[in-house]
Amino acid sequence: MNPRSAPAPAFPAALLARARPVRVVFFDVDGVLTDGGLFFSEAGEALKRFNTLDGHGLKMLQLAGITPAVITGRDSAPLRARLQALGITHAHYGTEDKRPAAEQTLATLGLDWSAAAAMGDDWPDLPMMRPAALACAPCNAHAEVLAQAHYVTRAQGGHGAVREVCDLLLQAGGHYEGLLAAYCA
């Protein structure tokens, strides 16, 4: 691998400064961790597609000491299995009112909104995005959510948008290069 002087994904200095104190990130599922589409089996079970780039980013956050948390209006066995496989222990399922769920997680972790980021794509996510120190949205989010976001990803939800936010947080916290170096050794 060729040596570089800077990480491949580049973020503005002001955005990195905003992201630096983040210690917990709240993620919506449908439209953020997935593309928002729902497939139904003949038995009526909802099926979802998850992106492995996003999954690896979530694992890297945990290695860097940043807690990923999920707050979603839905609940399903495949979702629970995916989050378990990723080691995500802070999750609220079937939650329409997302701010109290986020505040419960903040209290559990001994943090406040100044150490939180949130990523959502539609109106139900705004209550957790608005008080967060860093609000993020995939580029295909609803216009009202895009207007509230400090950072809008280049990738769409379910197609690497979460990984972009993970890379931003890893760079802001000074963890990106060290984690990458472990893979390039």
N, C-alpha and C. Protein backbone atom coordinates (compact mmCIF):
# COMPACT_ATOMS: atom_id res chain seq x y z
N MET A 1 0.84 -1.18 0.00
CA MET A 1 0.00 0.00 0.00
C MET A 1 0.89 1.24 0.00
N ASN A 2 0.51 2.20 -0.78
CA ASN A 2 1.26 3.45 -0.84
C ASN A 2 1.02 4.29 0.40
N PRO A 3 2.08 4.85 0.98
CA PRO A 3 1.88 5.73 2.14
C PRO A 3 1.16 7.00 1.71
N ARG A 4 0.32 7.51 2.60
CA ARG A 4 -0.42 8.74 2.33
C ARG A 4 -0.20 9.69 3.49
N SER A 5 -0.47 10.95 3.24
CA SER A 5 -0.33 11.93 4.30
C SER A 5 -1.66 12.21 5.00
N ALA A 6 -2.78 11.76 4.43
CA ALA A 6 -4.08 12.02 5.04
C ALA A 6 -5.02 10.86 4.74
N PRO A 7 -6.03 10.64 5.60
CA PRO A 7 -7.01 9.59 5.33
C PRO A 7 -7.73 9.84 4.01
N ALA A 8 -8.16 8.78 3.35
CA ALA A 8 -8.84 8.91 2.06
C ALA A 8 -10.11 9.74 2.14
N PRO A 9 -11.03 9.46 3.09
CA PRO A 9 -12.19 10.35 3.16
C PRO A 9 -11.79 11.66 3.82
N ALA A 10 -12.08 12.76 3.16
CA ALA A 10 -11.70 14.08 3.68
C ALA A 10 -12.93 14.80 4.20
N PHE A 11 -12.82 15.36 5.40
CA PHE A 11 -13.89 16.11 6.02
C PHE A 11 -13.39 17.50 6.39
N PRO A 12 -14.23 18.52 6.30
CA PRO A 12 -13.81 19.88 6.67
C PRO A 12 -13.41 19.96 8.15
N ALA A 13 -12.47 20.82 8.44
CA ALA A 13 -11.95 20.98 9.81
C ALA A 13 -13.06 21.33 10.79
N ALA A 14 -13.98 22.19 10.40
CA ALA A 14 -15.06 22.59 11.31
C ALA A 14 -15.97 21.40 11.64
N LEU A 15 -16.21 20.54 10.68
CA LEU A 15 -17.02 19.35 10.93
C LEU A 15 -16.29 18.38 11.85
N LEU A 16 -15.00 18.20 11.64
CA LEU A 16 -14.21 17.34 12.52
C LEU A 16 -14.22 17.88 13.95
N ALA A 17 -14.13 19.19 14.11
CA ALA A 17 -14.17 19.80 15.44
C ALA A 17 -15.52 19.55 16.11
N ARG A 18 -16.60 19.65 15.36
CA ARG A 18 -17.95 19.40 15.90
C ARG A 18 -18.08 17.94 16.33
N ALA A 19 -17.47 17.04 15.59
CA ALA A 19 -17.58 15.61 15.85
C ALA A 19 -16.65 15.11 16.95
N ARG A 20 -15.62 15.85 17.27
CA ARG A 20 -14.59 15.39 18.20
C ARG A 20 -15.13 14.93 19.56
N PRO A 21 -16.07 15.65 20.20
CA PRO A 21 -16.51 15.20 21.53
C PRO A 21 -17.52 14.05 21.54
N VAL A 22 -17.93 13.55 20.39
CA VAL A 22 -18.97 12.52 20.32
C VAL A 22 -18.47 11.21 20.93
N ARG A 23 -19.30 10.65 21.83
CA ARG A 23 -18.99 9.37 22.48
C ARG A 23 -20.09 8.33 22.29
N VAL A 24 -21.24 8.78 21.77
CA VAL A 24 -22.35 7.88 21.48
C VAL A 24 -23.03 8.37 20.21
N VAL A 25 -23.46 7.43 19.36
CA VAL A 25 -24.15 7.78 18.12
C VAL A 25 -25.46 6.99 18.06
N PHE A 26 -26.55 7.71 17.86
CA PHE A 26 -27.86 7.10 17.72
C PHE A 26 -28.18 6.95 16.24
N PHE A 27 -28.53 5.74 15.85
CA PHE A 27 -28.87 5.45 14.46
C PHE A 27 -30.30 4.96 14.36
N ASP A 28 -31.02 5.49 13.39
CA ASP A 28 -32.29 4.92 12.96
C ASP A 28 -31.94 3.68 12.12
N VAL A 29 -32.92 2.85 11.82
CA VAL A 29 -32.66 1.67 11.00
C VAL A 29 -33.15 1.86 9.57
N ASP A 30 -34.47 1.90 9.37
CA ASP A 30 -35.03 1.95 8.02
C ASP A 30 -34.69 3.29 7.36
N GLY A 31 -33.95 3.22 6.28
CA GLY A 31 -33.51 4.42 5.57
C GLY A 31 -32.14 4.90 5.98
N VAL A 32 -31.57 4.31 7.03
CA VAL A 32 -30.23 4.67 7.50
C VAL A 32 -29.33 3.43 7.45
N LEU A 33 -29.61 2.45 8.31
CA LEU A 33 -28.87 1.19 8.27
C LEU A 33 -29.35 0.29 7.13
N THR A 34 -30.55 0.56 6.62
CA THR A 34 -31.05 -0.14 5.45
C THR A 34 -31.43 0.91 4.41
N ASP A 35 -31.79 0.46 3.22
CA ASP A 35 -32.18 1.41 2.17
C ASP A 35 -33.61 1.90 2.32
N GLY A 36 -34.30 1.44 3.34
CA GLY A 36 -35.66 1.87 3.59
C GLY A 36 -36.71 1.01 2.90
N GLY A 37 -36.28 0.16 2.00
CA GLY A 37 -37.22 -0.73 1.34
C GLY A 37 -37.56 -1.90 2.23
N LEU A 38 -38.77 -2.39 2.10
CA LEU A 38 -39.19 -3.56 2.87
C LEU A 38 -39.60 -4.66 1.91
N PHE A 39 -39.04 -5.83 2.10
CA PHE A 39 -39.41 -7.01 1.34
C PHE A 39 -40.21 -7.89 2.30
N PHE A 40 -41.27 -8.51 1.81
CA PHE A 40 -42.07 -9.38 2.66
C PHE A 40 -42.06 -10.79 2.11
N SER A 41 -41.83 -11.75 3.01
CA SER A 41 -41.87 -13.16 2.62
C SER A 41 -43.32 -13.57 2.45
N GLU A 42 -43.54 -14.77 1.92
CA GLU A 42 -44.91 -15.27 1.77
C GLU A 42 -45.62 -15.39 3.11
N ALA A 43 -44.85 -15.58 4.17
CA ALA A 43 -45.42 -15.67 5.51
C ALA A 43 -45.70 -14.29 6.11
N GLY A 44 -45.32 -13.24 5.38
CA GLY A 44 -45.56 -11.88 5.86
C GLY A 44 -44.44 -11.29 6.69
N GLU A 45 -43.31 -11.99 6.78
CA GLU A 45 -42.18 -11.50 7.54
C GLU A 45 -41.43 -10.44 6.73
N ALA A 46 -41.12 -9.31 7.39
CA ALA A 46 -40.37 -8.25 6.72
C ALA A 46 -38.89 -8.63 6.67
N LEU A 47 -38.30 -8.48 5.50
CA LEU A 47 -36.89 -8.77 5.30
C LEU A 47 -36.15 -7.47 5.01
N LYS A 48 -34.94 -7.35 5.51
CA LYS A 48 -34.15 -6.14 5.33
C LYS A 48 -32.77 -6.50 4.80
N ARG A 49 -32.18 -5.55 4.12
CA ARG A 49 -30.83 -5.71 3.57
C ARG A 49 -29.91 -4.75 4.32
N PHE A 50 -28.82 -5.27 4.87
CA PHE A 50 -27.83 -4.45 5.59
C PHE A 50 -26.54 -4.40 4.79
N ASN A 51 -25.81 -3.32 4.90
CA ASN A 51 -24.57 -3.11 4.17
C ASN A 51 -23.39 -3.50 5.06
N THR A 52 -22.49 -4.32 4.55
CA THR A 52 -21.36 -4.77 5.35
C THR A 52 -20.36 -3.65 5.63
N LEU A 53 -20.27 -2.66 4.74
CA LEU A 53 -19.41 -1.51 5.04
C LEU A 53 -19.89 -0.80 6.29
N ASP A 54 -21.20 -0.60 6.39
CA ASP A 54 -21.77 0.02 7.58
C ASP A 54 -21.45 -0.81 8.82
N GLY A 55 -21.62 -2.13 8.71
CA GLY A 55 -21.36 -3.01 9.84
C GLY A 55 -19.94 -2.92 10.33
N HIS A 56 -18.98 -2.89 9.40
CA HIS A 56 -17.58 -2.79 9.82
C HIS A 56 -17.31 -1.43 10.48
N GLY A 57 -17.90 -0.38 9.95
CA GLY A 57 -17.75 0.93 10.57
C GLY A 57 -18.26 0.94 12.00
N LEU A 58 -19.39 0.30 12.25
CA LEU A 58 -19.94 0.23 13.60
C LEU A 58 -19.01 -0.53 14.54
N LYS A 59 -18.39 -1.59 14.04
CA LYS A 59 -17.42 -2.32 14.85
C LYS A 59 -16.20 -1.45 15.16
N MET A 60 -15.75 -0.67 14.18
CA MET A 60 -14.60 0.22 14.40
C MET A 60 -14.92 1.30 15.44
N LEU A 61 -16.15 1.82 15.41
CA LEU A 61 -16.55 2.80 16.43
C LEU A 61 -16.36 2.21 17.82
N GLN A 62 -16.82 0.99 17.99
CA GLN A 62 -16.72 0.34 19.30
C GLN A 62 -15.26 0.18 19.72
N LEU A 63 -14.40 -0.18 18.78
CA LEU A 63 -12.97 -0.30 19.11
C LEU A 63 -12.38 1.04 19.53
N ALA A 64 -12.94 2.12 19.01
CA ALA A 64 -12.45 3.46 19.34
C ALA A 64 -13.10 4.03 20.60
N GLY A 65 -13.98 3.27 21.24
CA GLY A 65 -14.62 3.74 22.46
C GLY A 65 -15.84 4.61 22.22
N ILE A 66 -16.38 4.59 21.02
CA ILE A 66 -17.59 5.34 20.70
C ILE A 66 -18.73 4.32 20.63
N THR A 67 -19.80 4.58 21.37
CA THR A 67 -20.90 3.64 21.48
C THR A 67 -21.94 3.85 20.39
N PRO A 68 -22.15 2.86 19.54
CA PRO A 68 -23.28 2.94 18.61
C PRO A 68 -24.54 2.47 19.32
N ALA A 69 -25.63 3.20 19.12
CA ALA A 69 -26.92 2.83 19.69
C ALA A 69 -27.96 2.91 18.58
N VAL A 70 -28.95 2.06 18.66
CA VAL A 70 -29.99 2.01 17.63
C VAL A 70 -31.33 2.32 18.28
N ILE A 71 -32.07 3.20 17.63
CA ILE A 71 -33.44 3.52 18.05
C ILE A 71 -34.31 3.43 16.81
N THR A 72 -35.25 2.49 16.84
CA THR A 72 -36.05 2.21 15.66
C THR A 72 -37.52 2.02 16.00
N GLY A 73 -38.34 2.41 15.08
CA GLY A 73 -39.78 2.24 15.25
C GLY A 73 -40.24 0.82 14.97
N ARG A 74 -39.39 0.00 14.45
CA ARG A 74 -39.76 -1.38 14.11
C ARG A 74 -38.99 -2.36 14.99
N ASP A 75 -39.42 -3.60 14.93
CA ASP A 75 -38.74 -4.68 15.62
C ASP A 75 -38.86 -5.92 14.76
N SER A 76 -37.77 -6.66 14.65
CA SER A 76 -37.81 -7.92 13.90
C SER A 76 -36.65 -8.80 14.34
N ALA A 77 -36.84 -10.09 14.15
CA ALA A 77 -35.77 -11.04 14.48
C ALA A 77 -34.51 -10.79 13.64
N PRO A 78 -34.64 -10.51 12.31
CA PRO A 78 -33.42 -10.25 11.54
C PRO A 78 -32.65 -9.02 12.04
N LEU A 79 -33.37 -7.98 12.43
CA LEU A 79 -32.71 -6.78 12.96
C LEU A 79 -31.97 -7.11 14.25
N ARG A 80 -32.63 -7.79 15.14
CA ARG A 80 -32.00 -8.15 16.41
C ARG A 80 -30.76 -9.03 16.18
N ALA A 81 -30.86 -9.94 15.23
CA ALA A 81 -29.72 -10.81 14.93
C ALA A 81 -28.55 -10.00 14.38
N ARG A 82 -28.85 -9.04 13.51
CA ARG A 82 -27.78 -8.21 12.93
C ARG A 82 -27.10 -7.38 14.00
N LEU A 83 -27.87 -6.74 14.86
CA LEU A 83 -27.28 -5.91 15.91
C LEU A 83 -26.48 -6.76 16.89
N GLN A 84 -26.97 -7.95 17.21
CA GLN A 84 -26.22 -8.85 18.09
C GLN A 84 -24.89 -9.24 17.44
N ALA A 85 -24.92 -9.55 16.14
CA ALA A 85 -23.69 -9.92 15.44
C ALA A 85 -22.67 -8.79 15.45
N LEU A 86 -23.16 -7.55 15.47
CA LEU A 86 -22.28 -6.39 15.49
C LEU A 86 -21.86 -5.98 16.91
N GLY A 87 -22.41 -6.63 17.92
CA GLY A 87 -22.07 -6.30 19.30
C GLY A 87 -22.74 -5.04 19.82
N ILE A 88 -23.82 -4.63 19.18
CA ILE A 88 -24.52 -3.42 19.62
C ILE A 88 -25.49 -3.80 20.73
N THR A 89 -25.24 -3.28 21.91
CA THR A 89 -26.03 -3.64 23.09
C THR A 89 -27.05 -2.57 23.47
N HIS A 90 -26.88 -1.37 22.98
CA HIS A 90 -27.83 -0.29 23.28
C HIS A 90 -28.79 -0.15 22.11
N ALA A 91 -29.99 -0.72 22.26
CA ALA A 91 -30.97 -0.69 21.19
C ALA A 91 -32.37 -0.56 21.77
N HIS A 92 -33.18 0.24 21.12
CA HIS A 92 -34.58 0.43 21.49
C HIS A 92 -35.40 0.07 20.26
N TYR A 93 -36.27 -0.93 20.40
CA TYR A 93 -37.07 -1.43 19.29
C TYR A 93 -38.53 -0.99 19.45
N GLY A 94 -39.22 -0.80 18.33
CA GLY A 94 -40.63 -0.44 18.37
C GLY A 94 -40.86 0.88 19.07
N THR A 95 -39.91 1.81 18.91
CA THR A 95 -39.95 3.08 19.62
C THR A 95 -40.29 4.21 18.66
N GLU A 96 -41.47 4.76 18.80
CA GLU A 96 -41.87 5.89 17.96
C GLU A 96 -41.36 7.21 18.52
N ASP A 97 -41.30 7.33 19.84
CA ASP A 97 -40.84 8.56 20.48
C ASP A 97 -39.36 8.39 20.82
N LYS A 98 -38.51 8.84 19.91
CA LYS A 98 -37.09 8.50 19.98
C LYS A 98 -36.27 9.31 20.99
N ARG A 99 -36.67 10.52 21.28
CA ARG A 99 -35.87 11.33 22.20
C ARG A 99 -35.80 10.73 23.61
N PRO A 100 -36.93 10.32 24.21
CA PRO A 100 -36.80 9.70 25.54
C PRO A 100 -35.94 8.44 25.53
N ALA A 101 -36.02 7.66 24.47
CA ALA A 101 -35.18 6.46 24.37
C ALA A 101 -33.71 6.85 24.33
N ALA A 102 -33.39 7.89 23.55
CA ALA A 102 -32.00 8.36 23.48
C ALA A 102 -31.55 8.89 24.84
N GLU A 103 -32.42 9.63 25.51
CA GLU A 103 -32.05 10.17 26.83
C GLU A 103 -31.84 9.08 27.86
N GLN A 104 -32.58 7.99 27.73
CA GLN A 104 -32.36 6.85 28.62
C GLN A 104 -30.97 6.27 28.40
N THR A 105 -30.57 6.13 27.15
CA THR A 105 -29.23 5.61 26.84
C THR A 105 -28.16 6.58 27.32
N LEU A 106 -28.37 7.87 27.11
CA LEU A 106 -27.41 8.86 27.58
C LEU A 106 -27.22 8.74 29.10
N ALA A 107 -28.33 8.61 29.84
CA ALA A 107 -28.24 8.48 31.29
C ALA A 107 -27.50 7.21 31.69
N THR A 108 -27.76 6.12 30.99
CA THR A 108 -27.07 4.86 31.27
C THR A 108 -25.57 5.01 31.07
N LEU A 109 -25.18 5.75 30.05
CA LEU A 109 -23.76 5.93 29.73
C LEU A 109 -23.12 7.08 30.50
N GLY A 110 -23.91 7.85 31.24
CA GLY A 110 -23.38 8.99 31.97
C GLY A 110 -22.97 10.14 31.07
N LEU A 111 -23.70 10.31 29.97
CA LEU A 111 -23.39 11.34 28.98
C LEU A 111 -24.56 12.29 28.82
N ASP A 112 -24.34 13.38 28.10
CA ASP A 112 -25.43 14.27 27.73
C ASP A 112 -25.37 14.52 26.23
N TRP A 113 -26.29 15.36 25.75
CA TRP A 113 -26.39 15.59 24.30
C TRP A 113 -25.12 16.19 23.70
N SER A 114 -24.29 16.84 24.50
CA SER A 114 -23.06 17.43 23.95
C SER A 114 -22.06 16.37 23.50
N ALA A 115 -22.26 15.13 23.92
CA ALA A 115 -21.37 14.02 23.52
C ALA A 115 -22.08 13.06 22.57
N ALA A 116 -23.20 13.51 21.99
CA ALA A 116 -24.01 12.62 21.17
C ALA A 116 -24.10 13.08 19.72
N ALA A 117 -24.14 12.09 18.84
CA ALA A 117 -24.48 12.31 17.43
C ALA A 117 -25.72 11.49 17.15
N ALA A 118 -26.47 11.88 16.13
CA ALA A 118 -27.66 11.13 15.74
C ALA A 118 -27.77 11.15 14.23
N MET A 119 -28.22 10.02 13.68
CA MET A 119 -28.39 9.91 12.23
C MET A 119 -29.78 9.37 11.94
N GLY A 120 -30.52 10.15 11.14
CA GLY A 120 -31.86 9.75 10.77
C GLY A 120 -32.19 10.19 9.37
N ASP A 121 -33.36 9.76 8.90
CA ASP A 121 -33.75 10.08 7.53
C ASP A 121 -35.16 10.64 7.39
N ASP A 122 -35.95 10.64 8.48
CA ASP A 122 -37.33 11.10 8.34
C ASP A 122 -37.78 11.78 9.62
N TRP A 123 -38.96 12.35 9.60
CA TRP A 123 -39.46 13.18 10.70
C TRP A 123 -39.36 12.52 12.08
N PRO A 124 -39.66 11.22 12.25
CA PRO A 124 -39.56 10.64 13.59
C PRO A 124 -38.15 10.71 14.19
N ASP A 125 -37.15 10.96 13.35
CA ASP A 125 -35.76 11.03 13.83
C ASP A 125 -35.37 12.43 14.32
N LEU A 126 -36.13 13.43 13.94
CA LEU A 126 -35.79 14.81 14.30
C LEU A 126 -35.67 15.04 15.80
N PRO A 127 -36.52 14.46 16.66
CA PRO A 127 -36.37 14.70 18.09
C PRO A 127 -35.04 14.21 18.68
N MET A 128 -34.39 13.25 18.05
CA MET A 128 -33.07 12.84 18.55
C MET A 128 -31.95 13.55 17.80
N MET A 129 -32.24 14.09 16.64
CA MET A 129 -31.21 14.79 15.87
C MET A 129 -31.03 16.24 16.35
N ARG A 130 -32.13 16.90 16.65
CA ARG A 130 -32.07 18.33 16.98
C ARG A 130 -31.20 18.65 18.21
N PRO A 131 -31.28 17.88 19.30
CA PRO A 131 -30.43 18.22 20.45
C PRO A 131 -29.00 17.69 20.36
N ALA A 132 -28.73 16.82 19.40
CA ALA A 132 -27.41 16.19 19.30
C ALA A 132 -26.34 17.19 18.89
N ALA A 133 -25.14 16.98 19.38
CA ALA A 133 -24.01 17.83 19.01
C ALA A 133 -23.71 17.72 17.52
N LEU A 134 -23.98 16.55 16.95
CA LEU A 134 -23.76 16.30 15.53
C LEU A 134 -24.96 15.55 14.97
N ALA A 135 -25.66 16.19 14.04
CA ALA A 135 -26.80 15.56 13.38
C ALA A 135 -26.40 15.19 11.96
N CYS A 136 -26.67 13.94 11.58
CA CYS A 136 -26.28 13.45 10.26
C CYS A 136 -27.48 12.83 9.56
N ALA A 137 -27.41 12.85 8.22
CA ALA A 137 -28.48 12.27 7.42
C ALA A 137 -27.90 11.70 6.14
N PRO A 138 -28.48 10.59 5.66
CA PRO A 138 -28.09 10.12 4.33
C PRO A 138 -28.62 11.08 3.28
N CYS A 139 -27.97 11.12 2.14
CA CYS A 139 -28.33 12.09 1.10
C CYS A 139 -29.74 11.92 0.58
N ASN A 140 -30.34 10.75 0.76
CA ASN A 140 -31.70 10.53 0.29
C ASN A 140 -32.74 10.67 1.40
N ALA A 141 -32.39 11.37 2.48
CA ALA A 141 -33.33 11.62 3.57
C ALA A 141 -34.38 12.64 3.13
N HIS A 142 -35.43 12.74 3.91
CA HIS A 142 -36.48 13.73 3.66
C HIS A 142 -35.90 15.13 3.77
N ALA A 143 -36.45 16.07 3.01
CA ALA A 143 -35.94 17.45 2.96
C ALA A 143 -35.87 18.11 4.33
N GLU A 144 -36.84 17.87 5.20
CA GLU A 144 -36.82 18.49 6.54
C GLU A 144 -35.66 17.96 7.38
N VAL A 145 -35.32 16.71 7.19
CA VAL A 145 -34.19 16.12 7.92
C VAL A 145 -32.87 16.65 7.35
N LEU A 146 -32.78 16.73 6.03
CA LEU A 146 -31.58 17.28 5.41
C LEU A 146 -31.32 18.71 5.90
N ALA A 147 -32.39 19.47 6.10
CA ALA A 147 -32.25 20.86 6.56
C ALA A 147 -31.71 20.95 7.98
N GLN A 148 -31.88 19.91 8.78
CA GLN A 148 -31.42 19.91 10.17
C GLN A 148 -30.03 19.30 10.34
N ALA A 149 -29.54 18.64 9.32
CA ALA A 149 -28.28 17.89 9.44
C ALA A 149 -27.06 18.80 9.35
N HIS A 150 -26.10 18.54 10.23
CA HIS A 150 -24.79 19.19 10.14
C HIS A 150 -23.95 18.52 9.04
N TYR A 151 -24.22 17.22 8.82
CA TYR A 151 -23.50 16.49 7.79
C TYR A 151 -24.47 15.61 7.02
N VAL A 152 -24.43 15.73 5.70
CA VAL A 152 -25.22 14.89 4.80
C VAL A 152 -24.23 14.01 4.05
N THR A 153 -24.44 12.70 4.11
CA THR A 153 -23.51 11.77 3.47
C THR A 153 -23.63 11.81 1.96
N ARG A 154 -22.59 11.36 1.31
CA ARG A 154 -22.62 11.21 -0.15
C ARG A 154 -23.38 9.93 -0.52
N ALA A 155 -23.27 8.92 0.32
CA ALA A 155 -23.95 7.64 0.07
C ALA A 155 -25.39 7.68 0.58
N GLN A 156 -26.22 6.88 -0.04
CA GLN A 156 -27.60 6.75 0.40
C GLN A 156 -27.70 5.82 1.59
N GLY A 157 -28.80 5.94 2.31
CA GLY A 157 -29.06 5.04 3.43
C GLY A 157 -29.02 3.60 2.97
N GLY A 158 -28.37 2.74 3.76
CA GLY A 158 -28.25 1.33 3.42
C GLY A 158 -27.19 1.02 2.39
N HIS A 159 -26.48 2.05 1.94
CA HIS A 159 -25.46 1.88 0.90
C HIS A 159 -24.14 2.55 1.30
N GLY A 160 -23.80 2.49 2.58
CA GLY A 160 -22.54 3.04 3.06
C GLY A 160 -22.65 4.39 3.74
N ALA A 161 -23.85 4.92 3.93
CA ALA A 161 -24.01 6.22 4.60
C ALA A 161 -23.54 6.15 6.06
N VAL A 162 -23.88 5.07 6.74
CA VAL A 162 -23.45 4.92 8.13
C VAL A 162 -21.93 4.85 8.21
N ARG A 163 -21.31 4.16 7.26
CA ARG A 163 -19.85 4.06 7.26
C ARG A 163 -19.20 5.43 7.13
N GLU A 164 -19.78 6.31 6.30
CA GLU A 164 -19.24 7.67 6.19
C GLU A 164 -19.25 8.38 7.54
N VAL A 165 -20.34 8.24 8.27
CA VAL A 165 -20.42 8.88 9.59
C VAL A 165 -19.42 8.24 10.54
N CYS A 166 -19.28 6.93 10.48
CA CYS A 166 -18.28 6.26 11.32
C CYS A 166 -16.88 6.77 11.00
N ASP A 167 -16.55 6.88 9.70
CA ASP A 167 -15.24 7.39 9.30
C ASP A 167 -15.02 8.82 9.80
N LEU A 168 -16.05 9.64 9.72
CA LEU A 168 -15.97 11.01 10.24
C LEU A 168 -15.64 11.00 11.72
N LEU A 169 -16.35 10.20 12.49
CA LEU A 169 -16.12 10.16 13.94
C LEU A 169 -14.75 9.57 14.28
N LEU A 170 -14.34 8.56 13.54
CA LEU A 170 -13.01 7.97 13.78
C LEU A 170 -11.90 8.97 13.48
N GLN A 171 -12.05 9.73 12.42
CA GLN A 171 -11.05 10.76 12.12
C GLN A 171 -11.06 11.86 13.17
N ALA A 172 -12.25 12.31 13.54
CA ALA A 172 -12.36 13.39 14.52
C ALA A 172 -11.72 13.01 15.85
N GLY A 173 -11.86 11.74 16.23
CA GLY A 173 -11.30 11.28 17.50
C GLY A 173 -9.86 10.84 17.42
N GLY A 174 -9.26 10.91 16.23
CA GLY A 174 -7.87 10.52 16.07
C GLY A 174 -7.64 9.02 16.03
N HIS A 175 -8.66 8.25 15.70
CA HIS A 175 -8.57 6.79 15.70
C HIS A 175 -8.41 6.18 14.31
N TYR A 176 -8.75 6.90 13.28
CA TYR A 176 -8.85 6.35 11.93
C TYR A 176 -7.54 5.73 11.46
N GLU A 177 -6.48 6.49 11.48
CA GLU A 177 -5.19 6.01 10.95
C GLU A 177 -4.67 4.80 11.71
N GLY A 178 -4.82 4.79 13.03
CA GLY A 178 -4.35 3.65 13.81
C GLY A 178 -5.12 2.38 13.51
N LEU A 179 -6.44 2.51 13.38
CA LEU A 179 -7.25 1.34 13.04
C LEU A 179 -6.92 0.84 11.64
N LEU A 180 -6.75 1.76 10.70
CA LEU A 180 -6.40 1.38 9.33
C LEU A 180 -5.02 0.69 9.30
N ALA A 181 -4.09 1.23 10.04
CA ALA A 181 -2.73 0.67 10.05
C ALA A 181 -2.72 -0.79 10.50
N ALA A 182 -3.61 -1.13 11.42
CA ALA A 182 -3.68 -2.52 11.90
C ALA A 182 -4.06 -3.47 10.75
N TYR A 183 -4.82 -2.99 9.78
CA TYR A 183 -5.20 -3.82 8.64
C TYR A 183 -4.13 -3.83 7.55
N CYS A 184 -3.27 -2.86 7.56
CA CYS A 184 -2.26 -2.73 6.50
C CYS A 184 -0.90 -3.26 6.91
N ALA A 185 -0.79 -3.73 8.15
CA ALA A 185 0.50 -4.21 8.66
C ALA A 185 0.90 -5.50 8.01
